[in-house]
Amino acid sequence: MPVEVLKPHEQVIQKKVDQLERMTIRWDAYTKPLLVDGATGTILDGHHRFEIARRLDLQCLPCVVVDYLDDDSITLLLWPNSDREGITKDDVIQAGLSGDLMPPKTSRHLLSDDLPPISVPLSRLMDPAIGS
């Protein structure tokens, strides 16, 4: 998906971005897709990978696109150290659309199927998304 259509709903931890950026450059590839709501472009999983794409000026990212609000196989939980008492899928979408980002590691998304391992070269991600 084109980077410009993706919308984070959480802030990132800069130290984690720095570490993951070094690993991504060493691998010269993305090895895990982002999980994204197809209707809104809200990032559900992959905020740190998204931030790396912005740092590296990538044009697109590998994504698994889901129908977040209607897909019952996607479970939403709070991370144990979150200061929130609860969270809904609507809260996540609203944060993505409004730009009023939640703290890092607030929402945790579980899928019935894990995201597939991939290897998409950084050189490919510097070009526009196919079909965009």
N, C-alpha and C. Protein backbone atom coordinates (compact mmCIF):
# COMPACT_ATOMS: atom_id res chain seq x y z
N MET A 1 0.85 -1.18 0.00
CA MET A 1 0.00 0.00 0.00
C MET A 1 0.89 1.24 0.00
N PRO A 2 0.43 2.32 -0.60
CA PRO A 2 1.19 3.57 -0.54
C PRO A 2 1.31 4.06 0.90
N VAL A 3 2.50 4.49 1.28
CA VAL A 3 2.74 4.96 2.65
C VAL A 3 1.80 6.11 3.00
N GLU A 4 1.53 6.98 2.05
CA GLU A 4 0.74 8.17 2.36
C GLU A 4 -0.71 7.88 2.73
N VAL A 5 -1.23 6.70 2.43
CA VAL A 5 -2.62 6.40 2.80
C VAL A 5 -2.72 5.72 4.16
N LEU A 6 -1.59 5.33 4.73
CA LEU A 6 -1.60 4.63 6.02
C LEU A 6 -1.71 5.63 7.17
N LYS A 7 -2.52 5.25 8.18
CA LYS A 7 -2.79 6.14 9.31
C LYS A 7 -2.48 5.42 10.62
N PRO A 8 -1.47 5.87 11.34
CA PRO A 8 -1.20 5.25 12.65
C PRO A 8 -2.29 5.61 13.65
N HIS A 9 -2.48 4.76 14.64
CA HIS A 9 -3.39 5.09 15.74
C HIS A 9 -2.66 5.13 17.08
N GLU A 10 -1.37 4.77 17.07
CA GLU A 10 -0.55 4.77 18.28
C GLU A 10 0.77 5.47 18.03
N GLN A 11 1.32 6.03 19.08
CA GLN A 11 2.67 6.57 19.03
C GLN A 11 3.66 5.41 19.02
N VAL A 12 4.92 5.71 18.73
CA VAL A 12 5.96 4.68 18.71
C VAL A 12 6.97 4.93 19.82
N ILE A 13 7.76 3.92 20.10
CA ILE A 13 8.86 4.02 21.04
C ILE A 13 10.13 4.21 20.20
N GLN A 14 10.74 5.39 20.29
CA GLN A 14 11.87 5.73 19.41
C GLN A 14 13.02 4.73 19.51
N LYS A 15 13.32 4.24 20.70
CA LYS A 15 14.41 3.27 20.86
C LYS A 15 14.12 2.00 20.07
N LYS A 16 12.85 1.58 20.08
CA LYS A 16 12.47 0.38 19.31
C LYS A 16 12.56 0.65 17.81
N VAL A 17 12.17 1.84 17.38
CA VAL A 17 12.28 2.20 15.96
C VAL A 17 13.74 2.17 15.53
N ASP A 18 14.62 2.74 16.37
CA ASP A 18 16.05 2.77 16.05
C ASP A 18 16.60 1.35 15.88
N GLN A 19 16.26 0.46 16.81
CA GLN A 19 16.74 -0.93 16.75
C GLN A 19 16.20 -1.64 15.52
N LEU A 20 14.90 -1.50 15.27
CA LEU A 20 14.28 -2.17 14.13
C LEU A 20 14.78 -1.60 12.81
N GLU A 21 15.07 -0.32 12.78
CA GLU A 21 15.61 0.29 11.56
C GLU A 21 16.97 -0.33 11.21
N ARG A 22 17.83 -0.49 12.22
CA ARG A 22 19.14 -1.11 11.96
C ARG A 22 18.97 -2.53 11.43
N MET A 23 18.04 -3.28 12.00
CA MET A 23 17.81 -4.66 11.53
C MET A 23 17.24 -4.67 10.12
N THR A 24 16.32 -3.77 9.83
CA THR A 24 15.71 -3.70 8.50
C THR A 24 16.75 -3.37 7.45
N ILE A 25 17.64 -2.43 7.77
CA ILE A 25 18.71 -2.08 6.82
C ILE A 25 19.67 -3.26 6.65
N ARG A 26 19.98 -3.95 7.73
CA ARG A 26 20.87 -5.11 7.63
C ARG A 26 20.24 -6.20 6.75
N TRP A 27 18.94 -6.45 6.94
CA TRP A 27 18.25 -7.46 6.13
C TRP A 27 17.99 -6.95 4.72
N ASP A 28 17.99 -5.62 4.53
CA ASP A 28 17.67 -4.98 3.26
C ASP A 28 16.27 -5.37 2.78
N ALA A 29 15.38 -5.57 3.75
CA ALA A 29 14.02 -6.02 3.39
C ALA A 29 13.08 -5.85 4.57
N TYR A 30 11.80 -5.83 4.25
CA TYR A 30 10.76 -5.95 5.27
C TYR A 30 10.42 -7.43 5.38
N THR A 31 10.36 -7.95 6.60
CA THR A 31 10.14 -9.38 6.81
C THR A 31 8.79 -9.69 7.44
N LYS A 32 8.00 -8.65 7.67
CA LYS A 32 6.65 -8.84 8.22
C LYS A 32 5.76 -7.74 7.67
N PRO A 33 4.57 -8.09 7.17
CA PRO A 33 3.67 -7.06 6.66
C PRO A 33 2.99 -6.30 7.80
N LEU A 34 2.48 -5.13 7.48
CA LEU A 34 1.65 -4.38 8.41
C LEU A 34 0.23 -4.94 8.32
N LEU A 35 -0.52 -4.81 9.39
CA LEU A 35 -1.94 -5.16 9.40
C LEU A 35 -2.72 -3.86 9.34
N VAL A 36 -3.60 -3.73 8.32
CA VAL A 36 -4.24 -2.45 8.03
C VAL A 36 -5.73 -2.65 7.78
N ASP A 37 -6.54 -1.72 8.30
CA ASP A 37 -7.96 -1.70 7.99
C ASP A 37 -8.15 -1.17 6.57
N GLY A 38 -8.80 -1.95 5.73
CA GLY A 38 -8.96 -1.58 4.33
C GLY A 38 -9.86 -0.38 4.11
N ALA A 39 -10.84 -0.16 4.96
CA ALA A 39 -11.78 0.93 4.75
C ALA A 39 -11.18 2.29 5.08
N THR A 40 -10.26 2.33 6.07
CA THR A 40 -9.76 3.63 6.55
C THR A 40 -8.26 3.81 6.39
N GLY A 41 -7.52 2.72 6.16
CA GLY A 41 -6.06 2.81 6.10
C GLY A 41 -5.41 2.85 7.48
N THR A 42 -6.21 2.64 8.53
CA THR A 42 -5.67 2.66 9.89
C THR A 42 -4.75 1.46 10.11
N ILE A 43 -3.55 1.74 10.60
CA ILE A 43 -2.59 0.68 10.92
C ILE A 43 -3.02 0.03 12.22
N LEU A 44 -3.18 -1.28 12.20
CA LEU A 44 -3.56 -2.03 13.40
C LEU A 44 -2.33 -2.63 14.06
N ASP A 45 -1.38 -3.07 13.24
CA ASP A 45 -0.12 -3.63 13.73
C ASP A 45 0.97 -3.22 12.75
N GLY A 46 2.07 -2.66 13.28
CA GLY A 46 3.17 -2.27 12.41
C GLY A 46 3.55 -0.81 12.49
N HIS A 47 3.22 -0.15 13.59
CA HIS A 47 3.53 1.27 13.73
C HIS A 47 5.03 1.56 13.64
N HIS A 48 5.85 0.70 14.23
CA HIS A 48 7.30 0.92 14.19
C HIS A 48 7.82 0.71 12.77
N ARG A 49 7.29 -0.28 12.06
CA ARG A 49 7.68 -0.51 10.66
C ARG A 49 7.26 0.67 9.78
N PHE A 50 6.09 1.24 10.08
CA PHE A 50 5.62 2.42 9.36
C PHE A 50 6.56 3.60 9.58
N GLU A 51 6.99 3.81 10.81
CA GLU A 51 7.89 4.91 11.12
C GLU A 51 9.23 4.75 10.41
N ILE A 52 9.71 3.52 10.30
CA ILE A 52 10.95 3.24 9.56
C ILE A 52 10.76 3.61 8.08
N ALA A 53 9.61 3.27 7.53
CA ALA A 53 9.34 3.61 6.13
C ALA A 53 9.40 5.12 5.92
N ARG A 54 8.88 5.86 6.86
CA ARG A 54 8.94 7.33 6.75
C ARG A 54 10.38 7.81 6.84
N ARG A 55 11.17 7.23 7.73
CA ARG A 55 12.58 7.62 7.87
C ARG A 55 13.36 7.32 6.59
N LEU A 56 13.06 6.18 5.98
CA LEU A 56 13.80 5.75 4.79
C LEU A 56 13.19 6.29 3.49
N ASP A 57 12.13 7.06 3.62
CA ASP A 57 11.43 7.65 2.47
C ASP A 57 10.94 6.58 1.50
N LEU A 58 10.41 5.49 2.05
CA LEU A 58 9.84 4.43 1.21
C LEU A 58 8.50 4.90 0.65
N GLN A 59 8.13 4.40 -0.52
CA GLN A 59 6.89 4.80 -1.18
C GLN A 59 5.71 3.90 -0.84
N CYS A 60 6.00 2.64 -0.54
CA CYS A 60 4.92 1.70 -0.25
C CYS A 60 5.41 0.68 0.78
N LEU A 61 4.45 -0.05 1.35
CA LEU A 61 4.76 -1.06 2.35
C LEU A 61 3.91 -2.30 2.12
N PRO A 62 4.46 -3.48 2.46
CA PRO A 62 3.67 -4.70 2.37
C PRO A 62 2.63 -4.72 3.50
N CYS A 63 1.39 -4.97 3.14
CA CYS A 63 0.30 -4.93 4.11
C CYS A 63 -0.65 -6.11 3.92
N VAL A 64 -1.20 -6.57 5.02
CA VAL A 64 -2.34 -7.47 4.99
C VAL A 64 -3.54 -6.59 5.31
N VAL A 65 -4.48 -6.51 4.38
CA VAL A 65 -5.62 -5.61 4.50
C VAL A 65 -6.83 -6.43 4.98
N VAL A 66 -7.48 -5.91 6.02
CA VAL A 66 -8.62 -6.61 6.62
C VAL A 66 -9.82 -5.68 6.73
N ASP A 67 -10.98 -6.28 6.90
CA ASP A 67 -12.22 -5.55 7.20
C ASP A 67 -12.34 -5.54 8.72
N TYR A 68 -11.63 -4.62 9.34
CA TYR A 68 -11.41 -4.62 10.78
C TYR A 68 -12.69 -4.66 11.61
N LEU A 69 -13.62 -3.77 11.33
CA LEU A 69 -14.82 -3.68 12.16
C LEU A 69 -15.71 -4.90 12.04
N ASP A 70 -15.69 -5.58 10.90
CA ASP A 70 -16.58 -6.72 10.68
C ASP A 70 -15.90 -8.07 10.77
N ASP A 71 -14.59 -8.10 11.01
CA ASP A 71 -13.86 -9.37 11.06
C ASP A 71 -13.73 -9.84 12.51
N ASP A 72 -14.52 -10.83 12.88
CA ASP A 72 -14.52 -11.34 14.25
C ASP A 72 -13.29 -12.17 14.57
N SER A 73 -12.46 -12.49 13.57
CA SER A 73 -11.25 -13.27 13.84
C SER A 73 -10.12 -12.38 14.36
N ILE A 74 -10.34 -11.04 14.36
CA ILE A 74 -9.35 -10.10 14.89
C ILE A 74 -9.79 -9.72 16.30
N THR A 75 -9.01 -10.12 17.29
CA THR A 75 -9.31 -9.83 18.68
C THR A 75 -8.50 -8.62 19.12
N LEU A 76 -9.16 -7.71 19.81
CA LEU A 76 -8.52 -6.50 20.32
C LEU A 76 -8.40 -6.59 21.83
N LEU A 77 -7.17 -6.44 22.32
CA LEU A 77 -6.89 -6.45 23.75
C LEU A 77 -6.09 -5.21 24.11
N LEU A 78 -6.00 -4.93 25.40
CA LEU A 78 -5.09 -3.90 25.89
C LEU A 78 -3.79 -4.57 26.30
N TRP A 79 -2.65 -3.90 26.05
CA TRP A 79 -1.39 -4.38 26.57
C TRP A 79 -1.43 -4.26 28.09
N PRO A 80 -0.77 -5.16 28.80
CA PRO A 80 -0.86 -5.17 30.28
C PRO A 80 -0.53 -3.85 30.97
N ASN A 81 0.41 -3.07 30.47
CA ASN A 81 0.79 -1.82 31.14
C ASN A 81 0.05 -0.60 30.61
N SER A 82 -0.99 -0.81 29.81
CA SER A 82 -1.77 0.32 29.31
C SER A 82 -2.50 0.99 30.47
N ASP A 83 -2.63 2.32 30.37
CA ASP A 83 -3.34 3.03 31.44
C ASP A 83 -4.84 3.14 31.17
N ARG A 84 -5.30 2.51 30.12
CA ARG A 84 -6.74 2.55 29.78
C ARG A 84 -7.47 1.41 30.49
N GLU A 85 -8.75 1.63 30.73
CA GLU A 85 -9.57 0.57 31.33
C GLU A 85 -10.21 -0.30 30.27
N GLY A 86 -10.34 0.22 29.08
CA GLY A 86 -10.96 -0.54 28.00
C GLY A 86 -10.64 0.10 26.66
N ILE A 87 -10.94 -0.66 25.60
CA ILE A 87 -10.70 -0.17 24.24
C ILE A 87 -11.63 -0.92 23.30
N THR A 88 -12.09 -0.21 22.27
CA THR A 88 -12.93 -0.83 21.25
C THR A 88 -12.29 -0.64 19.88
N LYS A 89 -12.77 -1.40 18.92
CA LYS A 89 -12.29 -1.24 17.55
C LYS A 89 -12.61 0.17 17.04
N ASP A 90 -13.76 0.70 17.44
CA ASP A 90 -14.11 2.07 17.05
C ASP A 90 -13.12 3.08 17.62
N ASP A 91 -12.62 2.85 18.85
CA ASP A 91 -11.61 3.74 19.44
C ASP A 91 -10.35 3.76 18.57
N VAL A 92 -9.95 2.58 18.10
CA VAL A 92 -8.74 2.45 17.28
C VAL A 92 -8.91 3.21 15.96
N ILE A 93 -10.03 3.00 15.29
CA ILE A 93 -10.30 3.67 14.01
C ILE A 93 -10.37 5.18 14.22
N GLN A 94 -11.04 5.63 15.28
CA GLN A 94 -11.17 7.06 15.53
C GLN A 94 -9.80 7.70 15.76
N ALA A 95 -8.92 7.02 16.49
CA ALA A 95 -7.57 7.55 16.73
C ALA A 95 -6.81 7.67 15.41
N GLY A 96 -6.96 6.68 14.53
CA GLY A 96 -6.30 6.73 13.23
C GLY A 96 -6.81 7.85 12.35
N LEU A 97 -8.11 8.03 12.34
CA LEU A 97 -8.71 9.06 11.48
C LEU A 97 -8.48 10.47 12.01
N SER A 98 -8.46 10.62 13.32
CA SER A 98 -8.33 11.95 13.92
C SER A 98 -6.88 12.40 14.06
N GLY A 99 -5.95 11.43 14.09
CA GLY A 99 -4.56 11.77 14.34
C GLY A 99 -4.25 11.98 15.81
N ASP A 100 -5.24 11.78 16.68
CA ASP A 100 -5.05 11.87 18.13
C ASP A 100 -4.56 10.51 18.61
N LEU A 101 -3.24 10.30 18.55
CA LEU A 101 -2.67 8.98 18.73
C LEU A 101 -2.67 8.53 20.18
N MET A 102 -2.91 7.23 20.35
CA MET A 102 -2.84 6.61 21.67
C MET A 102 -1.37 6.43 22.05
N PRO A 103 -1.09 6.25 23.34
CA PRO A 103 0.29 5.97 23.75
C PRO A 103 0.80 4.68 23.12
N PRO A 104 2.12 4.51 23.04
CA PRO A 104 2.68 3.25 22.50
C PRO A 104 2.18 2.04 23.29
N LYS A 105 2.02 0.96 22.60
CA LYS A 105 1.63 -0.32 23.21
C LYS A 105 0.35 -0.19 24.03
N THR A 106 -0.67 0.44 23.43
CA THR A 106 -2.00 0.48 24.05
C THR A 106 -2.82 -0.70 23.55
N SER A 107 -2.99 -0.80 22.23
CA SER A 107 -3.82 -1.85 21.65
C SER A 107 -2.96 -3.04 21.23
N ARG A 108 -3.54 -4.20 21.39
CA ARG A 108 -2.88 -5.43 20.95
C ARG A 108 -3.88 -6.21 20.11
N HIS A 109 -3.51 -6.50 18.87
CA HIS A 109 -4.39 -7.22 17.96
C HIS A 109 -3.91 -8.65 17.78
N LEU A 110 -4.82 -9.58 17.96
CA LEU A 110 -4.53 -10.99 17.76
C LEU A 110 -5.35 -11.48 16.58
N LEU A 111 -4.71 -12.27 15.73
CA LEU A 111 -5.39 -12.84 14.57
C LEU A 111 -5.52 -14.34 14.73
N SER A 112 -6.57 -14.90 14.13
CA SER A 112 -6.69 -16.35 14.15
C SER A 112 -5.56 -16.98 13.34
N ASP A 113 -5.10 -16.28 12.31
CA ASP A 113 -3.94 -16.71 11.53
C ASP A 113 -2.85 -15.66 11.72
N ASP A 114 -1.63 -16.10 12.00
CA ASP A 114 -0.52 -15.16 12.14
C ASP A 114 -0.20 -14.54 10.78
N LEU A 115 0.40 -13.34 10.83
CA LEU A 115 0.84 -12.71 9.59
C LEU A 115 1.96 -13.54 8.97
N PRO A 116 1.96 -13.69 7.66
CA PRO A 116 2.96 -14.53 7.01
C PRO A 116 4.34 -13.89 7.03
N PRO A 117 5.40 -14.71 7.14
CA PRO A 117 6.75 -14.16 6.98
C PRO A 117 6.94 -13.80 5.50
N ILE A 118 7.62 -12.71 5.26
CA ILE A 118 7.85 -12.22 3.90
C ILE A 118 9.29 -11.76 3.78
N SER A 119 9.68 -11.40 2.59
CA SER A 119 10.95 -10.73 2.36
C SER A 119 10.79 -9.84 1.13
N VAL A 120 10.44 -8.58 1.40
CA VAL A 120 10.25 -7.61 0.33
C VAL A 120 11.43 -6.64 0.37
N PRO A 121 12.27 -6.65 -0.68
CA PRO A 121 13.47 -5.81 -0.68
C PRO A 121 13.14 -4.32 -0.54
N LEU A 122 14.00 -3.62 0.17
CA LEU A 122 13.81 -2.18 0.33
C LEU A 122 13.80 -1.48 -1.03
N SER A 123 14.57 -1.98 -1.98
CA SER A 123 14.59 -1.36 -3.32
C SER A 123 13.19 -1.37 -3.96
N ARG A 124 12.41 -2.44 -3.72
CA ARG A 124 11.06 -2.52 -4.26
C ARG A 124 10.15 -1.49 -3.57
N LEU A 125 10.37 -1.27 -2.27
CA LEU A 125 9.50 -0.39 -1.50
C LEU A 125 9.80 1.09 -1.76
N MET A 126 10.87 1.35 -2.49
CA MET A 126 11.17 2.73 -2.88
C MET A 126 10.40 3.17 -4.11
N ASP A 127 9.76 2.20 -4.78
CA ASP A 127 8.91 2.47 -5.93
C ASP A 127 7.45 2.57 -5.48
N PRO A 128 6.60 3.21 -6.27
CA PRO A 128 5.19 3.30 -5.91
C PRO A 128 4.54 1.91 -5.81
N ALA A 129 3.45 1.86 -5.04
CA ALA A 129 2.68 0.62 -4.93
C ALA A 129 2.13 0.23 -6.29
N ILE A 130 2.04 -1.04 -6.54
CA ILE A 130 1.47 -1.53 -7.80
C ILE A 130 -0.02 -1.21 -7.81
N GLY A 131 -0.48 -0.61 -8.87
CA GLY A 131 -1.89 -0.29 -9.01
C GLY A 131 -2.31 1.01 -8.32
N SER A 132 -1.34 1.75 -7.80
CA SER A 132 -1.73 3.00 -7.13
C SER A 132 -1.64 4.18 -8.08
